[in-house]
Amino acid sequence: MPNAVHAWFGKAARFPKQSTSDLRWLKNAYVIFGIGTLLLSLIWFPGWQTAAWVVVTIGWFYQSALARKEIRRREAETALSD
């Protein structure tokens, strides 16, 4: 099950049309959104809603990791072609 979920998110979060500079911006934005949602969940929703917000936060951090992975892949391709 975790592998299927990972594969689904991997397919849904491809960045083929984004430039590398846009990906760097997105990566940073995803981290900021993740930290923001985590802080909001801890301050405003100190109950069962915290779990839902933590899931959203993990999603933002996962998107950031995927963007970072794509940036590294592109940099490796560029280094090999030079």
PDB file of N, CA and C in Angstrom:
ATOM      1  N   MET A   1       0.809  -1.203   0.000  1.00  0.00           N
ATOM      2  CA  MET A   1       0.000   0.000   0.000  1.00  0.00           C
ATOM      3  C   MET A   1       0.855   1.271   0.000  1.00  0.00           C
ATOM      4  N   PRO A   2       1.876   1.367   0.886  1.00  0.00           N
ATOM      5  CA  PRO A   2       2.696   2.585   0.844  1.00  0.00           C
ATOM      6  C   PRO A   2       3.381   2.800  -0.501  1.00  0.00           C
ATOM      7  N   ASN A   3       3.791   1.714  -1.157  1.00  0.00           N
ATOM      8  CA  ASN A   3       4.436   1.863  -2.463  1.00  0.00           C
ATOM      9  C   ASN A   3       3.463   2.390  -3.506  1.00  0.00           C
ATOM     10  N   ALA A   4       2.214   1.924  -3.439  1.00  0.00           N
ATOM     11  CA  ALA A   4       1.210   2.396  -4.390  1.00  0.00           C
ATOM     12  C   ALA A   4       0.914   3.876  -4.173  1.00  0.00           C
ATOM     13  N   VAL A   5       0.822   4.298  -2.917  1.00  0.00           N
ATOM     14  CA  VAL A   5       0.578   5.704  -2.604  1.00  0.00           C
ATOM     15  C   VAL A   5       1.765   6.544  -3.064  1.00  0.00           C
ATOM     16  N   HIS A   6       2.970   6.056  -2.809  1.00  0.00           N
ATOM     17  CA  HIS A   6       4.179   6.779  -3.232  1.00  0.00           C
ATOM     18  C   HIS A   6       4.215   6.926  -4.746  1.00  0.00           C
ATOM     19  N   ALA A   7       3.880   5.859  -5.472  1.00  0.00           N
ATOM     20  CA  ALA A   7       3.877   5.917  -6.932  1.00  0.00           C
ATOM     21  C   ALA A   7       2.818   6.888  -7.444  1.00  0.00           C
ATOM     22  N   TRP A   8       1.633   6.882  -6.808  1.00  0.00           N
ATOM     23  CA  TRP A   8       0.573   7.787  -7.237  1.00  0.00           C
ATOM     24  C   TRP A   8       0.981   9.234  -7.046  1.00  0.00           C
ATOM     25  N   PHE A   9       1.543   9.564  -5.862  1.00  0.00           N
ATOM     26  CA  PHE A   9       1.991  10.932  -5.614  1.00  0.00           C
ATOM     27  C   PHE A   9       3.136  11.303  -6.540  1.00  0.00           C
ATOM     28  N   GLY A  10       4.010  10.353  -6.821  1.00  0.00           N
ATOM     29  CA  GLY A  10       5.117  10.626  -7.738  1.00  0.00           C
ATOM     30  C   GLY A  10       4.628  10.988  -9.126  1.00  0.00           C
ATOM     31  N   LYS A  11       3.601  10.284  -9.606  1.00  0.00           N
ATOM     32  CA  LYS A  11       3.038  10.598 -10.918  1.00  0.00           C
ATOM     33  C   LYS A  11       2.297  11.929 -10.905  1.00  0.00           C
ATOM     34  N   ALA A  12       1.620  12.223  -9.807  1.00  0.00           N
ATOM     35  CA  ALA A  12       0.825  13.444  -9.726  1.00  0.00           C
ATOM     36  C   ALA A  12       1.685  14.686  -9.570  1.00  0.00           C
ATOM     37  N   ALA A  13       2.908  14.517  -9.137  1.00  0.00           N
ATOM     38  CA  ALA A  13       3.733  15.678  -8.806  1.00  0.00           C
ATOM     39  C   ALA A  13       4.942  15.809  -9.720  1.00  0.00           C
ATOM     40  N   ARG A  14       4.790  15.527 -10.978  1.00  0.00           N
ATOM     41  CA  ARG A  14       5.892  15.692 -11.927  1.00  0.00           C
ATOM     42  C   ARG A  14       6.060  17.178 -12.246  1.00  0.00           C
ATOM     43  N   PHE A  15       7.273  17.554 -12.561  1.00  0.00           N
ATOM     44  CA  PHE A  15       7.563  18.951 -12.856  1.00  0.00           C
ATOM     45  C   PHE A  15       8.217  19.100 -14.237  1.00  0.00           C
ATOM     46  N   PRO A  16       7.702  18.465 -15.272  1.00  0.00           N
ATOM     47  CA  PRO A  16       8.437  18.491 -16.539  1.00  0.00           C
ATOM     48  C   PRO A  16       8.466  19.843 -17.225  1.00  0.00           C
ATOM     49  N   LYS A  17       7.457  20.670 -17.008  1.00  0.00           N
ATOM     50  CA  LYS A  17       7.379  21.925 -17.740  1.00  0.00           C
ATOM     51  C   LYS A  17       7.893  23.110 -16.940  1.00  0.00           C
ATOM     52  N   GLN A  18       8.302  22.897 -15.719  1.00  0.00           N
ATOM     53  CA  GLN A  18       8.795  23.987 -14.876  1.00  0.00           C
ATOM     54  C   GLN A  18      10.289  24.202 -15.147  1.00  0.00           C
ATOM     55  N   SER A  19      10.693  25.459 -15.185  1.00  0.00           N
ATOM     56  CA  SER A  19      12.122  25.735 -15.308  1.00  0.00           C
ATOM     57  C   SER A  19      12.789  25.452 -13.965  1.00  0.00           C
ATOM     58  N   THR A  20      14.081  25.308 -13.979  1.00  0.00           N
ATOM     59  CA  THR A  20      14.803  24.999 -12.743  1.00  0.00           C
ATOM     60  C   THR A  20      14.695  26.134 -11.740  1.00  0.00           C
ATOM     61  N   SER A  21      14.712  27.376 -12.203  1.00  0.00           N
ATOM     62  CA  SER A  21      14.565  28.495 -11.264  1.00  0.00           C
ATOM     63  C   SER A  21      13.169  28.488 -10.634  1.00  0.00           C
ATOM     64  N   ASP A  22      12.148  28.134 -11.425  1.00  0.00           N
ATOM     65  CA  ASP A  22      10.802  28.008 -10.857  1.00  0.00           C
ATOM     66  C   ASP A  22      10.737  26.887  -9.837  1.00  0.00           C
ATOM     67  N   LEU A  23      11.440  25.790 -10.117  1.00  0.00           N
ATOM     68  CA  LEU A  23      11.451  24.680  -9.167  1.00  0.00           C
ATOM     69  C   LEU A  23      12.113  25.074  -7.855  1.00  0.00           C
ATOM     70  N   ARG A  24      13.170  25.853  -7.943  1.00  0.00           N
ATOM     71  CA  ARG A  24      13.812  26.310  -6.699  1.00  0.00           C
ATOM     72  C   ARG A  24      12.854  27.188  -5.895  1.00  0.00           C
ATOM     73  N   TRP A  25      12.130  28.054  -6.570  1.00  0.00           N
ATOM     74  CA  TRP A  25      11.150  28.899  -5.903  1.00  0.00           C
ATOM     75  C   TRP A  25      10.042  28.046  -5.286  1.00  0.00           C
ATOM     76  N   LEU A  26       9.539  27.069  -6.043  1.00  0.00           N
ATOM     77  CA  LEU A  26       8.497  26.188  -5.529  1.00  0.00           C
ATOM     78  C   LEU A  26       8.970  25.393  -4.319  1.00  0.00           C
ATOM     79  N   LYS A  27      10.212  24.904  -4.388  1.00  0.00           N
ATOM     80  CA  LYS A  27      10.762  24.132  -3.273  1.00  0.00           C
ATOM     81  C   LYS A  27      10.747  24.962  -2.003  1.00  0.00           C
ATOM     82  N   ASN A  28      11.192  26.193  -2.097  1.00  0.00           N
ATOM     83  CA  ASN A  28      11.203  27.067  -0.921  1.00  0.00           C
ATOM     84  C   ASN A  28       9.782  27.407  -0.472  1.00  0.00           C
ATOM     85  N   ALA A  29       8.893  27.632  -1.414  1.00  0.00           N
ATOM     86  CA  ALA A  29       7.508  27.951  -1.067  1.00  0.00           C
ATOM     87  C   ALA A  29       6.843  26.774  -0.364  1.00  0.00           C
ATOM     88  N   TYR A  30       7.113  25.559  -0.821  1.00  0.00           N
ATOM     89  CA  TYR A  30       6.521  24.380  -0.190  1.00  0.00           C
ATOM     90  C   TYR A  30       6.984  24.245   1.254  1.00  0.00           C
ATOM     91  N   VAL A  31       8.244  24.531   1.516  1.00  0.00           N
ATOM     92  CA  VAL A  31       8.740  24.461   2.894  1.00  0.00           C
ATOM     93  C   VAL A  31       8.049  25.525   3.753  1.00  0.00           C
ATOM     94  N   ILE A  32       7.921  26.723   3.225  1.00  0.00           N
ATOM     95  CA  ILE A  32       7.259  27.795   3.978  1.00  0.00           C
ATOM     96  C   ILE A  32       5.798  27.444   4.241  1.00  0.00           C
ATOM     97  N   PHE A  33       5.099  26.923   3.226  1.00  0.00           N
ATOM     98  CA  PHE A  33       3.706  26.521   3.420  1.00  0.00           C
ATOM     99  C   PHE A  33       3.600  25.401   4.453  1.00  0.00           C
ATOM    100  N   GLY A  34       4.537  24.452   4.411  1.00  0.00           N
ATOM    101  CA  GLY A  34       4.518  23.357   5.372  1.00  0.00           C
ATOM    102  C   GLY A  34       4.703  23.835   6.798  1.00  0.00           C
ATOM    103  N   ILE A  35       5.661  24.704   6.997  1.00  0.00           N
ATOM    104  CA  ILE A  35       5.889  25.246   8.342  1.00  0.00           C
ATOM    105  C   ILE A  35       4.686  26.072   8.784  1.00  0.00           C
ATOM    106  N   GLY A  36       4.127  26.844   7.863  1.00  0.00           N
ATOM    107  CA  GLY A  36       2.955  27.655   8.193  1.00  0.00           C
ATOM    108  C   GLY A  36       1.758  26.813   8.601  1.00  0.00           C
ATOM    109  N   THR A  37       1.477  25.763   7.845  1.00  0.00           N
ATOM    110  CA  THR A  37       0.334  24.920   8.200  1.00  0.00           C
ATOM    111  C   THR A  37       0.566  24.182   9.507  1.00  0.00           C
ATOM    112  N   LEU A  38       1.798  23.797   9.766  1.00  0.00           N
ATOM    113  CA  LEU A  38       2.089  23.138  11.035  1.00  0.00           C
ATOM    114  C   LEU A  38       1.889  24.099  12.203  1.00  0.00           C
ATOM    115  N   LEU A  39       2.362  25.322  12.077  1.00  0.00           N
ATOM    116  CA  LEU A  39       2.158  26.306  13.137  1.00  0.00           C
ATOM    117  C   LEU A  39       0.671  26.618  13.340  1.00  0.00           C
ATOM    118  N   LEU A  40      -0.056  26.763  12.242  1.00  0.00           N
ATOM    119  CA  LEU A  40      -1.494  27.006  12.364  1.00  0.00           C
ATOM    120  C   LEU A  40      -2.206  25.859  13.072  1.00  0.00           C
ATOM    121  N   SER A  41      -1.805  24.653  12.763  1.00  0.00           N
ATOM    122  CA  SER A  41      -2.469  23.510  13.388  1.00  0.00           C
ATOM    123  C   SER A  41      -2.194  23.471  14.878  1.00  0.00           C
ATOM    124  N   LEU A  42      -1.008  23.837  15.281  1.00  0.00           N
ATOM    125  CA  LEU A  42      -0.670  23.778  16.701  1.00  0.00           C
ATOM    126  C   LEU A  42      -1.271  24.944  17.484  1.00  0.00           C
ATOM    127  N   ILE A  43      -1.442  26.094  16.831  1.00  0.00           N
ATOM    128  CA  ILE A  43      -1.952  27.276  17.539  1.00  0.00           C
ATOM    129  C   ILE A  43      -3.477  27.303  17.550  1.00  0.00           C
ATOM    130  N   TRP A  44      -4.112  27.102  16.396  1.00  0.00           N
ATOM    131  CA  TRP A  44      -5.548  27.320  16.288  1.00  0.00           C
ATOM    132  C   TRP A  44      -6.384  26.067  16.479  1.00  0.00           C
ATOM    133  N   PHE A  45      -5.846  24.907  16.183  1.00  0.00           N
ATOM    134  CA  PHE A  45      -6.651  23.686  16.217  1.00  0.00           C
ATOM    135  C   PHE A  45      -6.013  22.637  17.123  1.00  0.00           C
ATOM    136  N   PRO A  46      -6.047  22.849  18.427  1.00  0.00           N
ATOM    137  CA  PRO A  46      -5.393  21.884  19.319  1.00  0.00           C
ATOM    138  C   PRO A  46      -6.268  20.671  19.615  1.00  0.00           C
ATOM    139  N   GLY A  47      -6.732  20.017  18.605  1.00  0.00           N
ATOM    140  CA  GLY A  47      -7.570  18.849  18.798  1.00  0.00           C
ATOM    141  C   GLY A  47      -7.335  17.846  17.692  1.00  0.00           C
ATOM    142  N   TRP A  48      -8.388  17.170  17.301  1.00  0.00           N
ATOM    143  CA  TRP A  48      -8.259  16.151  16.270  1.00  0.00           C
ATOM    144  C   TRP A  48      -7.902  16.762  14.922  1.00  0.00           C
ATOM    145  N   GLN A  49      -8.214  18.069  14.728  1.00  0.00           N
ATOM    146  CA  GLN A  49      -7.887  18.701  13.455  1.00  0.00           C
ATOM    147  C   GLN A  49      -6.380  18.805  13.244  1.00  0.00           C
ATOM    148  N   THR A  50      -5.629  18.749  14.331  1.00  0.00           N
ATOM    149  CA  THR A  50      -4.178  18.817  14.215  1.00  0.00           C
ATOM    150  C   THR A  50      -3.660  17.687  13.333  1.00  0.00           C
ATOM    151  N   ALA A  51      -4.240  16.515  13.478  1.00  0.00           N
ATOM    152  CA  ALA A  51      -3.806  15.381  12.648  1.00  0.00           C
ATOM    153  C   ALA A  51      -4.035  15.667  11.167  1.00  0.00           C
ATOM    154  N   ALA A  52      -5.149  16.283  10.835  1.00  0.00           N
ATOM    155  CA  ALA A  52      -5.425  16.612   9.437  1.00  0.00           C
ATOM    156  C   ALA A  52      -4.420  17.640   8.920  1.00  0.00           C
ATOM    157  N   TRP A  53      -4.126  18.629   9.731  1.00  0.00           N
ATOM    158  CA  TRP A  53      -3.163  19.638   9.306  1.00  0.00           C
ATOM    159  C   TRP A  53      -1.761  19.065   9.198  1.00  0.00           C
ATOM    160  N   VAL A  54      -1.427  18.106  10.041  1.00  0.00           N
ATOM    161  CA  VAL A  54      -0.114  17.456   9.943  1.00  0.00           C
ATOM    162  C   VAL A  54      -0.006  16.708   8.617  1.00  0.00           C
ATOM    163  N   VAL A  55      -1.081  16.089   8.185  1.00  0.00           N
ATOM    164  CA  VAL A  55      -1.073  15.407   6.888  1.00  0.00           C
ATOM    165  C   VAL A  55      -0.849  16.416   5.768  1.00  0.00           C
ATOM    166  N   VAL A  56      -1.509  17.571   5.847  1.00  0.00           N
ATOM    167  CA  VAL A  56      -1.299  18.622   4.838  1.00  0.00           C
ATOM    168  C   VAL A  56       0.152  19.093   4.862  1.00  0.00           C
ATOM    169  N   THR A  57       0.697  19.254   6.065  1.00  0.00           N
ATOM    170  CA  THR A  57       2.088  19.683   6.205  1.00  0.00           C
ATOM    171  C   THR A  57       3.040  18.673   5.582  1.00  0.00           C
ATOM    172  N   ILE A  58       2.802  17.406   5.829  1.00  0.00           N
ATOM    173  CA  ILE A  58       3.641  16.361   5.234  1.00  0.00           C
ATOM    174  C   ILE A  58       3.551  16.425   3.717  1.00  0.00           C
ATOM    175  N   GLY A  59       2.371  16.726   3.195  1.00  0.00           N
ATOM    176  CA  GLY A  59       2.217  16.882   1.754  1.00  0.00           C
ATOM    177  C   GLY A  59       3.068  18.009   1.194  1.00  0.00           C
ATOM    178  N   TRP A  60       3.096  19.144   1.882  1.00  0.00           N
ATOM    179  CA  TRP A  60       3.936  20.269   1.420  1.00  0.00           C
ATOM    180  C   TRP A  60       5.409  19.887   1.457  1.00  0.00           C
ATOM    181  N   PHE A  61       5.833  19.224   2.539  1.00  0.00           N
ATOM    182  CA  PHE A  61       7.237  18.815   2.633  1.00  0.00           C
ATOM    183  C   PHE A  61       7.582  17.767   1.570  1.00  0.00           C
ATOM    184  N   TYR A  62       6.638  16.902   1.261  1.00  0.00           N
ATOM    185  CA  TYR A  62       6.864  15.896   0.224  1.00  0.00           C
ATOM    186  C   TYR A  62       7.017  16.568  -1.144  1.00  0.00           C
ATOM    187  N   GLN A  63       6.179  17.557  -1.410  1.00  0.00           N
ATOM    188  CA  GLN A  63       6.310  18.300  -2.666  1.00  0.00           C
ATOM    189  C   GLN A  63       7.675  18.980  -2.751  1.00  0.00           C
ATOM    190  N   SER A  64       8.135  19.528  -1.632  1.00  0.00           N
ATOM    191  CA  SER A  64       9.449  20.162  -1.604  1.00  0.00           C
ATOM    192  C   SER A  64      10.549  19.148  -1.910  1.00  0.00           C
ATOM    193  N   ALA A  65      10.433  17.965  -1.346  1.00  0.00           N
ATOM    194  CA  ALA A  65      11.428  16.922  -1.608  1.00  0.00           C
ATOM    195  C   ALA A  65      11.410  16.496  -3.068  1.00  0.00           C
ATOM    196  N   LEU A  66      10.228  16.395  -3.662  1.00  0.00           N
ATOM    197  CA  LEU A  66      10.152  16.039  -5.080  1.00  0.00           C
ATOM    198  C   LEU A  66      10.765  17.124  -5.960  1.00  0.00           C
ATOM    199  N   ALA A  67      10.537  18.377  -5.625  1.00  0.00           N
ATOM    200  CA  ALA A  67      11.138  19.466  -6.395  1.00  0.00           C
ATOM    201  C   ALA A  67      12.656  19.433  -6.265  1.00  0.00           C
ATOM    202  N   ARG A  68      13.148  19.185  -5.051  1.00  0.00           N
ATOM    203  CA  ARG A  68      14.597  19.098  -4.837  1.00  0.00           C
ATOM    204  C   ARG A  68      15.183  17.937  -5.638  1.00  0.00           C
ATOM    205  N   LYS A  69      14.488  16.813  -5.675  1.00  0.00           N
ATOM    206  CA  LYS A  69      14.958  15.650  -6.436  1.00  0.00           C
ATOM    207  C   LYS A  69      15.019  15.967  -7.928  1.00  0.00           C
ATOM    208  N   GLU A  70      14.009  16.669  -8.433  1.00  0.00           N
ATOM    209  CA  GLU A  70      13.994  17.033  -9.845  1.00  0.00           C
ATOM    210  C   GLU A  70      15.118  18.017 -10.171  1.00  0.00           C
ATOM    211  N   ILE A  71      15.382  18.955  -9.282  1.00  0.00           N
ATOM    212  CA  ILE A  71      16.490  19.895  -9.497  1.00  0.00           C
ATOM    213  C   ILE A  71      17.812  19.143  -9.567  1.00  0.00           C
ATOM    214  N   ARG A  72      18.028  18.214  -8.657  1.00  0.00           N
ATOM    215  CA  ARG A  72      19.270  17.424  -8.670  1.00  0.00           C
ATOM    216  C   ARG A  72      19.390  16.590  -9.940  1.00  0.00           C
ATOM    217  N   ARG A  73      18.263  16.017 -10.394  1.00  0.00           N
ATOM    218  CA  ARG A  73      18.290  15.218 -11.612  1.00  0.00           C
ATOM    219  C   ARG A  73      18.678  16.085 -12.808  1.00  0.00           C
ATOM    220  N   ARG A  74      18.107  17.275 -12.881  1.00  0.00           N
ATOM    221  CA  ARG A  74      18.440  18.175 -13.986  1.00  0.00           C
ATOM    222  C   ARG A  74      19.886  18.632 -13.931  1.00  0.00           C
ATOM    223  N   GLU A  75      20.376  18.912 -12.732  1.00  0.00           N
ATOM    224  CA  GLU A  75      21.774  19.310 -12.603  1.00  0.00           C
ATOM    225  C   GLU A  75      22.716  18.182 -12.991  1.00  0.00           C
ATOM    226  N   ALA A  76      22.347  16.951 -12.664  1.00  0.00           N
ATOM    227  CA  ALA A  76      23.165  15.800 -13.055  1.00  0.00           C
ATOM    228  C   ALA A  76      23.161  15.615 -14.561  1.00  0.00           C
ATOM    229  N   GLU A  77      22.005  15.787 -15.212  1.00  0.00           N
ATOM    230  CA  GLU A  77      21.940  15.703 -16.664  1.00  0.00           C
ATOM    231  C   GLU A  77      22.789  16.775 -17.325  1.00  0.00           C
ATOM    232  N   THR A  78      22.733  17.985 -16.771  1.00  0.00           N
ATOM    233  CA  THR A  78      23.516  19.081 -17.317  1.00  0.00           C
ATOM    234  C   THR A  78      25.008  18.796 -17.172  1.00  0.00           C
ATOM    235  N   ALA A  79      25.405  18.255 -16.029  1.00  0.00           N
ATOM    236  CA  ALA A  79      26.815  17.949 -15.798  1.00  0.00           C
ATOM    237  C   ALA A  79      27.297  16.842 -16.745  1.00  0.00           C
ATOM    238  N   LEU A  80      26.455  15.874 -17.032  1.00  0.00           N
ATOM    239  CA  LEU A  80      26.841  14.783 -17.935  1.00  0.00           C
ATOM    240  C   LEU A  80      26.944  15.255 -19.386  1.00  0.00           C
ATOM    241  N   SER A  81      26.099  16.202 -19.763  1.00  0.00           N
ATOM    242  CA  SER A  81      26.122  16.668 -21.145  1.00  0.00           C
ATOM    243  C   SER A  81      27.255  17.642 -21.430  1.00  0.00           C
ATOM    244  N   ASP A  82      27.841  18.228 -20.376  1.00  0.00           N
ATOM    245  CA  ASP A  82      28.946  19.185 -20.583  1.00  0.00           C
ATOM    246  C   ASP A  82      30.234  18.521 -20.851  1.00  0.00           C
TER     247      ASP A  82
END
